Amino acid sequence: MGDFIRDGLHAKLTAWPAVREIRGKGLMIGIELDFPCGELVMNGLDAGLLINVTTTTWCGCCRRLTIKRDECEVLVTMLAPLIADFLARSGAAQPAAKTV
């Protein structure tokens, strides 16, 4: 499930130049940003997510070991837009538009 979450976050966030890295081991997942991201803790709580900011630019989450795939999908669906909105408000460069 950790791979599923990381892959989902990677697919939704790596187009943002301000996302430096998405990594983890098992269900411990961290996202490094170009901006101090302490406000994501409160933004996450407001959205019903528990996010930890371990250093100035690293945010992460650690899920319980019994998480199901549909719960992982909800996590990615909620967390990725939360981070994208934070980056947009922080003045981060927008992702490049996809061409068809």
Protein backbone atom coordinates (compact mmCIF):
# COMPACT_ATOMS: atom_id res chain seq x y z
CA MET A 1 0.00 0.00 0.00
CA GLY A 2 2.94 2.35 0.59
CA ASP A 3 4.00 1.96 -3.03
CA PHE A 4 0.43 2.68 -4.12
CA ILE A 5 0.30 5.90 -2.07
CA ARG A 6 3.74 7.07 -3.22
CA ASP A 7 2.93 6.30 -6.86
CA GLY A 8 -0.37 8.19 -6.58
CA LEU A 9 1.26 11.22 -4.99
CA HIS A 10 4.09 11.09 -7.50
CA ALA A 11 1.61 11.07 -10.40
CA LYS A 12 -0.30 14.05 -9.01
CA LEU A 13 2.50 16.20 -7.58
CA THR A 14 5.79 15.78 -9.44
CA ALA A 15 4.72 18.15 -12.21
CA TRP A 16 5.07 20.89 -9.57
CA PRO A 17 8.67 22.14 -9.73
CA ALA A 18 8.50 22.94 -5.99
CA VAL A 19 8.07 19.25 -5.09
CA ARG A 20 11.65 18.13 -4.56
CA GLU A 21 11.09 14.52 -3.56
CA ILE A 22 8.45 11.98 -2.58
CA ARG A 23 9.87 9.03 -0.70
CA GLY A 24 9.21 6.59 2.05
CA LYS A 25 9.47 3.14 3.47
CA GLY A 26 6.34 1.12 3.85
CA LEU A 27 3.55 3.42 4.98
CA MET A 28 5.88 6.16 6.25
CA ILE A 29 5.76 8.70 3.45
CA GLY A 30 7.48 12.06 3.15
CA ILE A 31 7.22 14.88 0.65
CA GLU A 32 9.94 17.51 0.43
CA LEU A 33 8.89 20.94 -0.83
CA ASP A 34 10.78 24.10 -1.76
CA PHE A 35 8.78 26.10 0.78
CA PRO A 36 8.39 25.94 4.55
CA CYS A 37 5.22 23.91 4.94
CA GLY A 38 4.24 24.13 8.61
CA GLU A 39 0.81 25.49 7.72
CA LEU A 40 0.01 22.17 6.03
CA VAL A 41 -0.52 20.66 9.48
CA MET A 42 -3.54 22.91 10.12
CA ASN A 43 -4.71 22.71 6.51
CA GLY A 44 -4.65 18.93 6.80
CA LEU A 45 -6.55 18.95 10.09
CA ASP A 46 -9.19 21.19 8.53
CA ALA A 47 -9.53 18.63 5.71
CA GLY A 48 -9.57 15.65 8.10
CA LEU A 49 -5.96 14.56 7.52
CA LEU A 50 -3.21 14.19 10.08
CA ILE A 51 0.01 15.50 8.52
CA ASN A 52 3.34 15.88 10.26
CA VAL A 53 5.94 18.47 9.31
CA THR A 54 9.20 16.95 10.48
CA THR A 55 11.52 19.72 9.29
CA THR A 56 10.81 23.06 7.70
CA THR A 57 10.24 21.68 4.19
CA TRP A 58 9.35 18.00 4.82
CA CYS A 59 5.76 16.97 5.35
CA GLY A 60 4.65 13.43 5.81
CA CYS A 61 2.19 10.94 7.08
CA CYS A 62 2.43 7.56 8.70
CA ARG A 63 -0.59 5.34 8.17
CA ARG A 64 -1.74 2.40 10.24
CA LEU A 65 -0.62 -1.00 9.01
CA THR A 66 -4.14 -2.24 8.27
CA ILE A 67 -5.02 0.41 5.69
CA LYS A 68 -7.07 -0.78 2.71
CA ARG A 69 -6.63 0.20 -0.93
CA ASP A 70 -9.78 2.34 -1.02
CA GLU A 71 -8.52 4.25 2.04
CA CYS A 72 -5.20 4.80 0.24
CA GLU A 73 -7.09 6.20 -2.74
CA VAL A 74 -8.93 8.62 -0.43
CA LEU A 75 -5.63 9.68 1.14
CA VAL A 76 -4.04 10.45 -2.24
CA THR A 77 -7.22 12.15 -3.47
CA MET A 78 -7.27 14.43 -0.42
CA LEU A 79 -3.55 15.02 0.17
CA ALA A 80 -2.38 15.83 -3.37
CA PRO A 81 -4.81 18.76 -3.90
CA LEU A 82 -4.07 20.04 -0.39
CA ILE A 83 -0.36 20.25 -1.22
CA ALA A 84 -1.00 21.66 -4.71
CA ASP A 85 -3.22 24.39 -3.22
CA PHE A 86 -0.54 25.19 -0.63
CA LEU A 87 2.11 25.47 -3.35
CA ALA A 88 -0.11 27.71 -5.48
CA ARG A 89 -0.71 30.03 -2.51
CA SER A 90 3.03 30.00 -1.71
CA GLY A 91 3.90 31.36 -5.12
CA ALA A 92 5.41 28.14 -6.48
CA ALA A 93 5.86 27.83 -10.22
CA GLN A 94 2.82 26.14 -11.70
CA PRO A 95 3.13 22.73 -13.35
CA ALA A 96 3.69 22.80 -17.09
CA ALA A 97 0.51 22.36 -19.10
CA LYS A 98 0.11 18.93 -20.63
CA THR A 99 -0.01 18.82 -24.39
CA VAL A 100 -2.22 16.38 -26.22
